[in-house]
Amino acid sequence: MDTLSIILQILLALMFLFAGLGKVFGSKSSIETFNHLQLPQWFRVITGLVELVGVASLIIGFWEESWVPAGGLLLGVVAIGAIIAHIRAKDSFKQAFTILLLGIIGFVLLWINYSDLSNFPGFK
């Protein structure tokens, strides 16, 4: 695993850890964001849990490298969903920039570590 991958892995895991925990535990900003995006609050909790699964994949990836591209893919797909929600709400580019950047990082992790994905449990 190279240095760039490790740095991106840590950055993505930390960002989604805080975001996921905020959604699961109902932080005021998460509740307001989902209201603004006209999404139900149960979806906020599910989204937070999916984000935490992605974080767990990235953390497991420090020991089992095949988990890194899987986590990057999962969080990249979550980011695509969030970007669609921001577009649907007619938010500005500035409002969606952070999740766009995080999604790109997720897909970069997938791309950098793609060859490890073949060793992911159940892929053999």
C-alpha atoms as a PDB file:
ATOM      1  CA  MET A   1       0.000   0.000   0.000  1.00  0.00           C
ATOM      2  CA  ASP A   2       1.525   3.302  -0.971  1.00  0.00           C
ATOM      3  CA  THR A   3       1.623   6.538   0.987  1.00  0.00           C
ATOM      4  CA  LEU A   4      -0.976   8.355  -1.124  1.00  0.00           C
ATOM      5  CA  SER A   5      -3.468   5.553  -0.614  1.00  0.00           C
ATOM      6  CA  ILE A   6      -2.921   5.551   3.158  1.00  0.00           C
ATOM      7  CA  ILE A   7      -3.337   9.331   3.407  1.00  0.00           C
ATOM      8  CA  LEU A   8      -6.545   9.274   1.343  1.00  0.00           C
ATOM      9  CA  GLN A   9      -7.814   6.292   3.324  1.00  0.00           C
ATOM     10  CA  ILE A  10      -7.306   8.105   6.649  1.00  0.00           C
ATOM     11  CA  LEU A  11      -8.843  11.342   5.337  1.00  0.00           C
ATOM     12  CA  LEU A  12     -11.899   9.612   3.894  1.00  0.00           C
ATOM     13  CA  ALA A  13     -12.405   7.439   6.973  1.00  0.00           C
ATOM     14  CA  LEU A  14     -12.247  10.411   9.350  1.00  0.00           C
ATOM     15  CA  MET A  15     -14.597  12.585   7.293  1.00  0.00           C
ATOM     16  CA  PHE A  16     -17.202   9.851   6.891  1.00  0.00           C
ATOM     17  CA  LEU A  17     -16.789   8.711  10.511  1.00  0.00           C
ATOM     18  CA  PHE A  18     -17.867  12.106  11.806  1.00  0.00           C
ATOM     19  CA  ALA A  19     -20.553  12.500   9.138  1.00  0.00           C
ATOM     20  CA  GLY A  20     -21.931   8.999   9.719  1.00  0.00           C
ATOM     21  CA  LEU A  21     -22.002   9.332  13.499  1.00  0.00           C
ATOM     22  CA  GLY A  22     -23.745  12.697  13.178  1.00  0.00           C
ATOM     23  CA  LYS A  23     -26.423  11.145  11.005  1.00  0.00           C
ATOM     24  CA  VAL A  24     -26.939   8.072  13.191  1.00  0.00           C
ATOM     25  CA  PHE A  25     -27.110  10.030  16.438  1.00  0.00           C
ATOM     26  CA  GLY A  26     -29.217  12.832  14.965  1.00  0.00           C
ATOM     27  CA  SER A  27     -26.998  15.895  15.115  1.00  0.00           C
ATOM     28  CA  LYS A  28     -28.874  19.128  14.572  1.00  0.00           C
ATOM     29  CA  SER A  29     -27.029  19.862  11.321  1.00  0.00           C
ATOM     30  CA  SER A  30     -27.764  16.384   9.915  1.00  0.00           C
ATOM     31  CA  ILE A  31     -31.452  16.701  10.720  1.00  0.00           C
ATOM     32  CA  GLU A  32     -31.585  20.169   9.143  1.00  0.00           C
ATOM     33  CA  THR A  33     -29.693  18.989   6.055  1.00  0.00           C
ATOM     34  CA  PHE A  34     -32.044  16.068   5.450  1.00  0.00           C
ATOM     35  CA  ASN A  35     -35.035  18.381   5.956  1.00  0.00           C
ATOM     36  CA  HIS A  36     -33.529  20.835   3.445  1.00  0.00           C
ATOM     37  CA  LEU A  37     -32.929  18.001   0.963  1.00  0.00           C
ATOM     38  CA  GLN A  38     -36.537  16.846   1.536  1.00  0.00           C
ATOM     39  CA  LEU A  39     -35.400  13.384   2.593  1.00  0.00           C
ATOM     40  CA  PRO A  40     -37.058  11.418   5.411  1.00  0.00           C
ATOM     41  CA  GLN A  41     -35.272  11.146   8.745  1.00  0.00           C
ATOM     42  CA  TRP A  42     -35.198   7.334   8.633  1.00  0.00           C
ATOM     43  CA  PHE A  43     -33.099   7.697   5.472  1.00  0.00           C
ATOM     44  CA  ARG A  44     -30.651   9.861   7.444  1.00  0.00           C
ATOM     45  CA  VAL A  45     -30.070   6.986   9.876  1.00  0.00           C
ATOM     46  CA  ILE A  46     -29.697   4.408   7.079  1.00  0.00           C
ATOM     47  CA  THR A  47     -27.288   6.707   5.234  1.00  0.00           C
ATOM     48  CA  GLY A  48     -25.233   7.139   8.405  1.00  0.00           C
ATOM     49  CA  LEU A  49     -25.069   3.378   8.946  1.00  0.00           C
ATOM     50  CA  VAL A  50     -23.956   2.797   5.342  1.00  0.00           C
ATOM     51  CA  GLU A  51     -21.281   5.469   5.785  1.00  0.00           C
ATOM     52  CA  LEU A  52     -20.057   3.744   8.948  1.00  0.00           C
ATOM     53  CA  VAL A  53     -19.846   0.421   7.080  1.00  0.00           C
ATOM     54  CA  GLY A  54     -17.666   2.204   4.511  1.00  0.00           C
ATOM     55  CA  VAL A  55     -15.495   3.598   7.310  1.00  0.00           C
ATOM     56  CA  ALA A  56     -15.167   0.121   8.833  1.00  0.00           C
ATOM     57  CA  SER A  57     -14.089  -1.199   5.426  1.00  0.00           C
ATOM     58  CA  LEU A  58     -11.374   1.432   5.192  1.00  0.00           C
ATOM     59  CA  ILE A  59     -10.175   0.672   8.729  1.00  0.00           C
ATOM     60  CA  ILE A  60     -10.109  -3.086   8.076  1.00  0.00           C
ATOM     61  CA  GLY A  61      -8.160  -2.183   4.936  1.00  0.00           C
ATOM     62  CA  PHE A  62      -5.123  -1.291   7.021  1.00  0.00           C
ATOM     63  CA  TRP A  63      -4.734  -5.030   7.686  1.00  0.00           C
ATOM     64  CA  GLU A  64      -6.597  -6.584   4.745  1.00  0.00           C
ATOM     65  CA  GLU A  65      -5.882  -4.436   1.684  1.00  0.00           C
ATOM     66  CA  SER A  66      -8.762  -5.857  -0.356  1.00  0.00           C
ATOM     67  CA  TRP A  67     -11.195  -3.930   1.852  1.00  0.00           C
ATOM     68  CA  VAL A  68      -9.847  -0.516   0.781  1.00  0.00           C
ATOM     69  CA  PRO A  69     -11.249  -0.504  -2.779  1.00  0.00           C
ATOM     70  CA  ALA A  70     -14.545  -1.924  -1.492  1.00  0.00           C
ATOM     71  CA  GLY A  71     -14.810   0.890   1.065  1.00  0.00           C
ATOM     72  CA  GLY A  72     -13.836   3.463  -1.553  1.00  0.00           C
ATOM     73  CA  LEU A  73     -16.508   2.149  -3.914  1.00  0.00           C
ATOM     74  CA  LEU A  74     -19.207   2.138  -1.228  1.00  0.00           C
ATOM     75  CA  LEU A  75     -18.425   5.678  -0.065  1.00  0.00           C
ATOM     76  CA  GLY A  76     -18.115   6.886  -3.660  1.00  0.00           C
ATOM     77  CA  VAL A  77     -21.606   5.568  -4.403  1.00  0.00           C
ATOM     78  CA  VAL A  78     -22.944   7.233  -1.231  1.00  0.00           C
ATOM     79  CA  ALA A  79     -21.381  10.484  -2.448  1.00  0.00           C
ATOM     80  CA  ILE A  80     -23.099  10.137  -5.835  1.00  0.00           C
ATOM     81  CA  GLY A  81     -26.424   9.799  -4.021  1.00  0.00           C
ATOM     82  CA  ALA A  82     -25.670  12.895  -1.956  1.00  0.00           C
ATOM     83  CA  ILE A  83     -24.698  14.889  -5.043  1.00  0.00           C
ATOM     84  CA  ILE A  84     -27.968  13.897  -6.716  1.00  0.00           C
ATOM     85  CA  ALA A  85     -29.857  15.025  -3.598  1.00  0.00           C
ATOM     86  CA  HIS A  86     -28.056  18.396  -3.675  1.00  0.00           C
ATOM     87  CA  ILE A  87     -28.824  18.847  -7.370  1.00  0.00           C
ATOM     88  CA  ARG A  88     -32.472  17.946  -6.771  1.00  0.00           C
ATOM     89  CA  ALA A  89     -32.614  20.570  -3.992  1.00  0.00           C
ATOM     90  CA  LYS A  90     -31.053  23.113  -6.398  1.00  0.00           C
ATOM     91  CA  ASP A  91     -28.107  23.686  -4.062  1.00  0.00           C
ATOM     92  CA  SER A  92     -25.114  25.660  -5.254  1.00  0.00           C
ATOM     93  CA  PHE A  93     -21.857  24.037  -6.327  1.00  0.00           C
ATOM     94  CA  LYS A  94     -20.305  25.419  -3.139  1.00  0.00           C
ATOM     95  CA  GLN A  95     -22.835  23.519  -1.012  1.00  0.00           C
ATOM     96  CA  ALA A  96     -22.105  20.228  -2.794  1.00  0.00           C
ATOM     97  CA  PHE A  97     -18.341  20.691  -3.192  1.00  0.00           C
ATOM     98  CA  THR A  98     -17.259  18.787  -0.074  1.00  0.00           C
ATOM     99  CA  ILE A  99     -19.231  15.653  -0.872  1.00  0.00           C
ATOM    100  CA  LEU A 100     -18.083  15.873  -4.502  1.00  0.00           C
ATOM    101  CA  LEU A 101     -14.471  15.946  -3.318  1.00  0.00           C
ATOM    102  CA  LEU A 102     -15.054  13.037  -0.917  1.00  0.00           C
ATOM    103  CA  GLY A 103     -16.675  11.019  -3.690  1.00  0.00           C
ATOM    104  CA  ILE A 104     -13.702  11.640  -5.946  1.00  0.00           C
ATOM    105  CA  ILE A 105     -11.368  10.503  -3.157  1.00  0.00           C
ATOM    106  CA  GLY A 106     -13.453   7.340  -2.735  1.00  0.00           C
ATOM    107  CA  PHE A 107     -13.196   6.503  -6.429  1.00  0.00           C
ATOM    108  CA  VAL A 108      -9.471   7.355  -6.463  1.00  0.00           C
ATOM    109  CA  LEU A 109      -9.001   4.837  -3.637  1.00  0.00           C
ATOM    110  CA  LEU A 110     -10.920   2.283  -5.697  1.00  0.00           C
ATOM    111  CA  TRP A 111      -8.734   3.015  -8.728  1.00  0.00           C
ATOM    112  CA  ILE A 112      -5.399   2.962  -6.847  1.00  0.00           C
ATOM    113  CA  ASN A 113      -6.244  -0.307  -5.078  1.00  0.00           C
ATOM    114  CA  TYR A 114      -8.364  -1.945  -7.788  1.00  0.00           C
ATOM    115  CA  SER A 115      -6.066  -4.970  -8.152  1.00  0.00           C
ATOM    116  CA  ASP A 116      -6.593  -5.797  -4.458  1.00  0.00           C
ATOM    117  CA  LEU A 117     -10.354  -6.077  -4.996  1.00  0.00           C
ATOM    118  CA  SER A 118      -9.942  -9.559  -6.489  1.00  0.00           C
ATOM    119  CA  ASN A 119      -8.852 -10.770  -3.022  1.00  0.00           C
ATOM    120  CA  PHE A 120     -12.003  -9.445  -1.350  1.00  0.00           C
ATOM    121  CA  PRO A 121     -13.842 -12.186   0.587  1.00  0.00           C
ATOM    122  CA  GLY A 122     -16.306 -13.963  -1.675  1.00  0.00           C
ATOM    123  CA  PHE A 123     -14.654 -12.862  -4.940  1.00  0.00           C
ATOM    124  CA  LYS A 124     -12.489 -15.971  -5.344  1.00  0.00           C
END
